Structure formats: C-alpha cells, structure tokens
C-alpha cells in the first residue's frame, strides 16, 4: 500500500485522452505520464490475458517508488472455473503479477453476476489464495447473495475487502464491505456503464463517503470508453483536497 493514508484516486488503465493531456507532466511512456498525476492504477488487461513477468517488471520500473498497482485476477479463475480448482491458475497468475514487487498494491477479484455465494466454495478459494499470498485482496461480487452479514463475515475471515460499486446492483453494493483493511470503490459509469460521465453532485457524494472511513482508501474510475475516467479522477482529487 502507498505509505500515505490519504485517499488514492486512479483509473482502470493508464490511457490519457488527448483532451486531458494537460493534466499530466512529461514522461517517457503513457504510464510514466499517468504517474505524474495519480499514485494508483488498476490493471484490467490481466483479466483477459496473461502478461509476462518482464512486462510487470517494466511497468514497475516506469513509476515512482510510492506508486501502486492493483491487478485484476484472470477470468479463467473468476468466471471460467467459478473459483473451483484454481490452484494452478493462481500459481501462474501470482508468479506473473508478483514481478511488480513492492509496487503490487493488491488484487481485484470481480465475480460474474450469476455466481451465487457458496460458502464452502468461496472459503476453499480464499484459503487457497491466502496460502499463496498475503497481499490485499478486494472482491467485487455482483450476485445479491454476497451482500449479507454472513457474506461479510466470511470475507472478513480471510481478510478480503468488498468493493463499493457504481452502479450498485443492490443498495449495499454501493459501499465497501468485508474486511476494513482496504476500502475500495469502483465506479463504472451511470447510467451507461463504461461510458457515462459523473457530475459534481455525484463526485461530492462520493467524496463524502470516502471521507467517512479511515485507513487505505482507493477510488478507481472505470468509465473509460469515452475518456471520462481521467477527468472524473482528477476532479475527485480536487474535491477531496478542498
């Protein structure tokens, strides 16, 4: 985690739309320029395809010492296998992402909307992961069965945080839950997921929510399709500073 306890704001990926280039300083790569403004980023491409350790090493070398990455767990684990028998897949993924070294801030597990909470299956998976890694882990479930006191207790048992998401599929999904060791928000765009912009009213409400908790806090904007993530993240930084 970044040493600072201030909220960390970033985006899903480090693409910089041309119209927002003036928000960033110079750098030898897009990632290096992104890191002049934001101290955290979410790697989503790992969900779709593996990256070589050398790729993660290159990314880590492109950013300052205090910069951190969260890395999305592959869909082969979360979707294709449904968290079952994932040991070999976890070994491969953690071996790759581990090449980030100290700049690995945590892992993101996004579950399919159809994956209902099965306590035995979830416990088995989290135990398997925790035998291999102690890095912070945040889960973004999308089935209503994950938003109960029993589900929260299960997540806390394995030190797994639950992301606060927008749009929220159920009211509880709007707020982080599970283990309080990592408060993590993922805002995807409302009303149109990945596309919609957030206005100041929405960002002010988010800032108030972020300020109500303490400890490590990350806010990631995933409304990247039309380039709004960068502008929303920069604006939230301003709101929080104010």
Protein backbone atom coordinates (compact mmCIF):
# COMPACT_ATOMS: atom_id res chain seq x y z
CA UNK A 1 0.00 0.00 0.00
CA UNK A 2 1.13 3.59 -0.52
CA UNK A 3 2.57 4.96 2.71
CA UNK A 4 0.16 7.90 2.67
CA UNK A 5 -3.21 7.34 4.33
CA UNK A 6 -4.87 9.96 2.15
CA UNK A 7 -7.39 8.58 -0.35
CA UNK A 8 -5.71 7.30 -3.50
CA UNK A 9 -7.52 8.12 -6.75
CA UNK A 10 -6.90 6.48 -10.10
CA UNK A 11 -8.29 4.81 -13.19
CA UNK A 12 -8.72 1.41 -14.73
CA UNK A 13 -5.74 1.56 -17.07
CA UNK A 14 -3.46 4.48 -17.79
CA UNK A 15 -4.74 5.72 -21.13
CA UNK A 16 -4.67 9.53 -21.37
CA UNK A 17 -7.18 11.15 -23.77
CA UNK A 18 -5.59 13.93 -25.80
CA UNK A 19 -8.07 16.46 -24.46
CA UNK A 20 -6.83 15.80 -20.91
CA UNK A 21 -3.10 15.68 -21.65
CA UNK A 22 -2.55 18.98 -19.81
CA UNK A 23 -3.47 17.28 -16.51
CA UNK A 24 -0.19 15.35 -16.59
CA UNK A 25 3.52 16.03 -16.54
CA UNK A 26 6.10 14.71 -19.01
CA UNK A 27 7.23 11.10 -19.10
CA UNK A 28 8.88 8.53 -21.30
CA UNK A 29 5.68 6.47 -21.61
CA UNK A 30 1.94 6.84 -21.15
CA UNK A 31 2.24 5.09 -17.78
CA UNK A 32 5.06 7.38 -16.67
CA UNK A 33 2.97 10.42 -17.60
CA UNK A 34 -0.10 8.98 -15.83
CA UNK A 35 2.01 8.55 -12.68
CA UNK A 36 2.77 12.27 -12.56
CA UNK A 37 -0.86 12.83 -11.53
CA UNK A 38 -2.11 9.63 -9.90
CA UNK A 39 -0.42 7.27 -7.45
CA UNK A 40 -2.54 4.17 -8.14
CA UNK A 41 -3.88 2.34 -11.18
CA UNK A 42 -5.89 -0.79 -11.84
CA UNK A 43 -4.61 -3.30 -14.39
CA UNK A 44 -7.69 -4.76 -16.08
CA UNK A 45 -5.97 -6.36 -19.06
CA UNK A 46 -4.78 -9.22 -16.81
CA UNK A 47 -8.43 -10.33 -16.64
CA UNK A 48 -8.40 -11.12 -20.36
CA UNK A 49 -4.88 -12.36 -21.00
CA UNK A 50 -1.69 -13.17 -19.09
CA UNK A 51 1.26 -10.81 -19.02
CA UNK A 52 4.88 -11.91 -18.80
CA UNK A 53 6.77 -11.16 -15.58
CA UNK A 54 9.08 -8.98 -17.67
CA UNK A 55 6.07 -6.83 -18.62
CA UNK A 56 5.12 -6.30 -14.99
CA UNK A 57 8.76 -5.53 -14.19
CA UNK A 58 8.84 -2.90 -16.94
CA UNK A 59 5.67 -1.29 -15.63
CA UNK A 60 7.04 -1.23 -12.09
CA UNK A 61 10.22 0.43 -13.30
CA UNK A 62 8.18 3.16 -15.06
CA UNK A 63 6.63 4.64 -11.92
CA UNK A 64 7.83 6.30 -8.68
CA UNK A 65 8.52 4.26 -5.57
CA UNK A 66 5.23 5.22 -3.92
CA UNK A 67 3.08 4.21 -6.87
CA UNK A 68 0.91 1.08 -6.55
CA UNK A 69 -0.93 -1.23 -8.94
CA UNK A 70 -3.99 -3.32 -8.28
CA UNK A 71 -4.17 -6.29 -10.63
CA UNK A 72 -7.39 -7.95 -11.75
CA UNK A 73 -7.49 -11.71 -11.30
CA UNK A 74 -7.97 -13.55 -14.62
CA UNK A 75 -11.42 -14.57 -15.79
CA UNK A 76 -10.17 -18.14 -16.12
CA UNK A 77 -10.29 -18.16 -12.31
CA UNK A 78 -13.31 -15.98 -11.55
CA UNK A 79 -15.60 -16.86 -14.46
CA UNK A 80 -14.47 -19.98 -16.33
CA UNK A 81 -13.63 -22.11 -13.29
CA UNK A 82 -16.04 -20.36 -10.93
CA UNK A 83 -13.34 -20.33 -8.22
CA UNK A 84 -13.12 -24.15 -8.24
CA UNK A 85 -9.82 -25.99 -8.61
CA UNK A 86 -7.98 -22.77 -9.30
CA UNK A 87 -4.68 -23.61 -7.59
CA UNK A 88 -2.53 -23.99 -10.74
CA UNK A 89 -4.11 -20.90 -12.29
CA UNK A 90 -3.41 -18.91 -9.14
CA UNK A 91 0.19 -20.08 -9.13
CA UNK A 92 0.69 -18.83 -12.67
CA UNK A 93 -1.06 -15.51 -12.12
CA UNK A 94 0.68 -14.72 -8.84
CA UNK A 95 4.03 -15.63 -10.35
CA UNK A 96 3.42 -13.11 -13.11
CA UNK A 97 1.90 -10.24 -11.11
CA UNK A 98 4.42 -10.75 -8.32
CA UNK A 99 7.05 -9.31 -10.65
CA UNK A 100 5.64 -5.88 -9.70
CA UNK A 101 7.47 -6.35 -6.40
CA UNK A 102 6.82 -3.66 -3.82
CA UNK A 103 4.59 -1.81 -6.26
CA UNK A 104 1.94 -4.52 -6.14
CA UNK A 105 -0.73 -2.79 -4.08
CA UNK A 106 -3.34 -5.53 -4.18
CA UNK A 107 -5.51 -7.88 -6.21
CA UNK A 108 -9.03 -7.41 -7.56
CA UNK A 109 -11.45 -10.33 -7.89
CA UNK A 110 -14.55 -9.44 -9.91
CA UNK A 111 -17.19 -12.15 -9.91
CA UNK A 112 -19.82 -12.79 -12.60
CA UNK A 113 -23.38 -11.66 -11.82
CA UNK A 114 -24.52 -15.29 -11.97
CA UNK A 115 -22.11 -16.52 -9.28
CA UNK A 116 -24.17 -17.00 -6.15
CA UNK A 117 -22.37 -17.20 -2.82
CA UNK A 118 -21.49 -20.78 -1.95
CA UNK A 119 -19.74 -20.50 1.42
CA UNK A 120 -17.83 -23.76 1.03
CA UNK A 121 -16.60 -22.90 -2.46
CA UNK A 122 -15.67 -19.34 -1.52
CA UNK A 123 -13.85 -20.44 1.64
CA UNK A 124 -11.88 -23.03 -0.27
CA UNK A 125 -10.82 -20.46 -2.85
CA UNK A 126 -9.86 -17.79 -0.33
CA UNK A 127 -7.89 -20.32 1.71
CA UNK A 128 -6.04 -21.39 -1.43
CA UNK A 129 -5.22 -17.78 -2.28
CA UNK A 130 -4.17 -16.91 1.25
CA UNK A 131 -1.81 -19.89 1.35
CA UNK A 132 -0.06 -18.31 -1.62
CA UNK A 133 -0.25 -14.59 -0.92
CA UNK A 134 -0.94 -12.09 1.84
CA UNK A 135 -1.34 -9.08 -0.45
CA UNK A 136 -4.53 -7.04 -0.03
CA UNK A 137 -7.49 -8.53 -1.87
CA UNK A 138 -10.74 -6.82 -2.84
CA UNK A 139 -13.72 -8.68 -4.24
CA UNK A 140 -16.44 -7.18 -6.43
CA UNK A 141 -19.33 -9.67 -6.29
CA UNK A 142 -22.41 -8.98 -8.35
CA UNK A 143 -24.97 -11.51 -7.09
CA UNK A 144 -27.30 -10.33 -4.31
CA UNK A 145 -26.36 -13.29 -2.09
CA UNK A 146 -22.95 -11.71 -1.38
CA UNK A 147 -24.45 -8.68 0.36
CA UNK A 148 -25.46 -10.18 3.71
CA UNK A 149 -23.99 -10.21 7.21
CA UNK A 150 -22.94 -13.83 6.71
CA UNK A 151 -21.14 -12.98 3.48
CA UNK A 152 -19.37 -10.07 5.15
CA UNK A 153 -18.26 -12.34 7.98
CA UNK A 154 -16.84 -14.84 5.50
CA UNK A 155 -14.88 -12.13 3.70
CA UNK A 156 -13.50 -10.78 6.98
CA UNK A 157 -12.36 -14.27 7.98
CA UNK A 158 -9.95 -14.29 5.03
CA UNK A 159 -9.12 -10.56 5.15
CA UNK A 160 -10.95 -9.89 1.90
CA UNK A 161 -12.47 -6.46 1.29
CA UNK A 162 -15.60 -5.92 -0.77
CA UNK A 163 -15.64 -3.11 -3.32
CA UNK A 164 -18.20 -0.35 -3.32
CA UNK A 165 -19.51 -0.24 -6.88
CA UNK A 166 -21.45 2.16 -9.06
CA UNK A 167 -23.88 1.31 -10.46
CA UNK A 168 -24.85 -0.78 -7.45
CA UNK A 169 -26.89 -3.90 -8.14
CA UNK A 170 -28.32 -3.80 -4.60
CA UNK A 171 -28.13 -0.85 -2.18
CA UNK A 172 -25.40 -2.46 -0.04
CA UNK A 173 -23.18 -2.82 -3.10
CA UNK A 174 -22.64 0.95 -3.22
CA UNK A 175 -20.47 0.85 -0.09
CA UNK A 176 -17.29 -1.08 0.66
CA UNK A 177 -17.72 -4.04 3.00
CA UNK A 178 -15.96 -7.16 4.16
CA UNK A 179 -12.56 -6.64 5.78
CA UNK A 180 -11.91 -2.97 6.62
CA UNK A 181 -8.21 -3.27 5.77
CA UNK A 182 -8.76 -1.84 2.28
CA UNK A 183 -11.65 0.45 1.32
CA UNK A 184 -12.05 0.26 -2.45
CA UNK A 185 -14.56 1.91 -4.78
CA UNK A 186 -15.05 1.01 -8.45
CA UNK A 187 -17.16 3.48 -10.38
CA UNK A 188 -18.07 2.17 -13.81
CA UNK A 189 -20.29 4.96 -15.14
CA UNK A 190 -24.00 5.71 -14.60
CA UNK A 191 -26.43 5.37 -16.29
CA UNK A 192 -24.40 3.85 -19.13
CA UNK A 193 -21.71 1.54 -17.78
CA UNK A 194 -18.18 2.39 -19.02
CA UNK A 195 -19.45 5.43 -20.96
CA UNK A 196 -21.23 7.90 -18.69
CA UNK A 197 -19.63 10.95 -17.11
CA UNK A 198 -20.07 11.82 -13.42
CA UNK A 199 -21.19 15.32 -12.47
CA UNK A 200 -20.03 17.28 -9.44
CA UNK A 201 -23.03 16.22 -7.37
CA UNK A 202 -22.08 12.55 -7.76
CA UNK A 203 -18.40 13.23 -7.08
CA UNK A 204 -19.21 15.30 -3.98
CA UNK A 205 -21.35 12.44 -2.65
CA UNK A 206 -18.53 10.00 -3.32
CA UNK A 207 -16.01 12.27 -1.60
CA UNK A 208 -18.22 12.41 1.50
CA UNK A 209 -18.42 8.61 1.53
CA UNK A 210 -14.65 8.28 1.19
CA UNK A 211 -14.02 10.77 3.98
CA UNK A 212 -16.24 8.88 6.43
CA UNK A 213 -13.75 5.99 6.70
CA UNK A 214 -10.08 5.73 7.62
CA UNK A 215 -7.23 3.53 6.54
CA UNK A 216 -6.21 2.65 2.98
CA UNK A 217 -8.78 4.04 0.53
CA UNK A 218 -8.72 3.65 -3.24
CA UNK A 219 -11.18 5.05 -5.75
CA UNK A 220 -10.91 3.68 -9.29
CA UNK A 221 -12.86 5.12 -12.22
CA UNK A 222 -13.68 2.56 -14.89
CA UNK A 223 -15.80 4.79 -17.17
CA UNK A 224 -13.03 4.79 -19.75
CA UNK A 225 -14.91 4.22 -23.01
CA UNK A 226 -15.28 7.95 -23.76
CA UNK A 227 -12.30 9.04 -21.66
CA UNK A 228 -14.28 10.38 -18.70
CA UNK A 229 -12.36 8.35 -16.10
CA UNK A 230 -9.33 10.64 -16.16
CA UNK A 231 -11.37 13.84 -15.82
CA UNK A 232 -13.53 12.37 -13.04
CA UNK A 233 -10.49 11.12 -11.12
CA UNK A 234 -8.76 14.48 -11.39
CA UNK A 235 -11.91 16.31 -10.30
CA UNK A 236 -12.35 14.00 -7.30
CA UNK A 237 -8.78 14.79 -6.27
CA UNK A 238 -9.70 18.49 -6.28
CA UNK A 239 -12.90 17.90 -4.30
CA UNK A 240 -11.06 15.89 -1.65
CA UNK A 241 -8.31 18.48 -1.34
CA UNK A 242 -10.90 21.21 -0.90
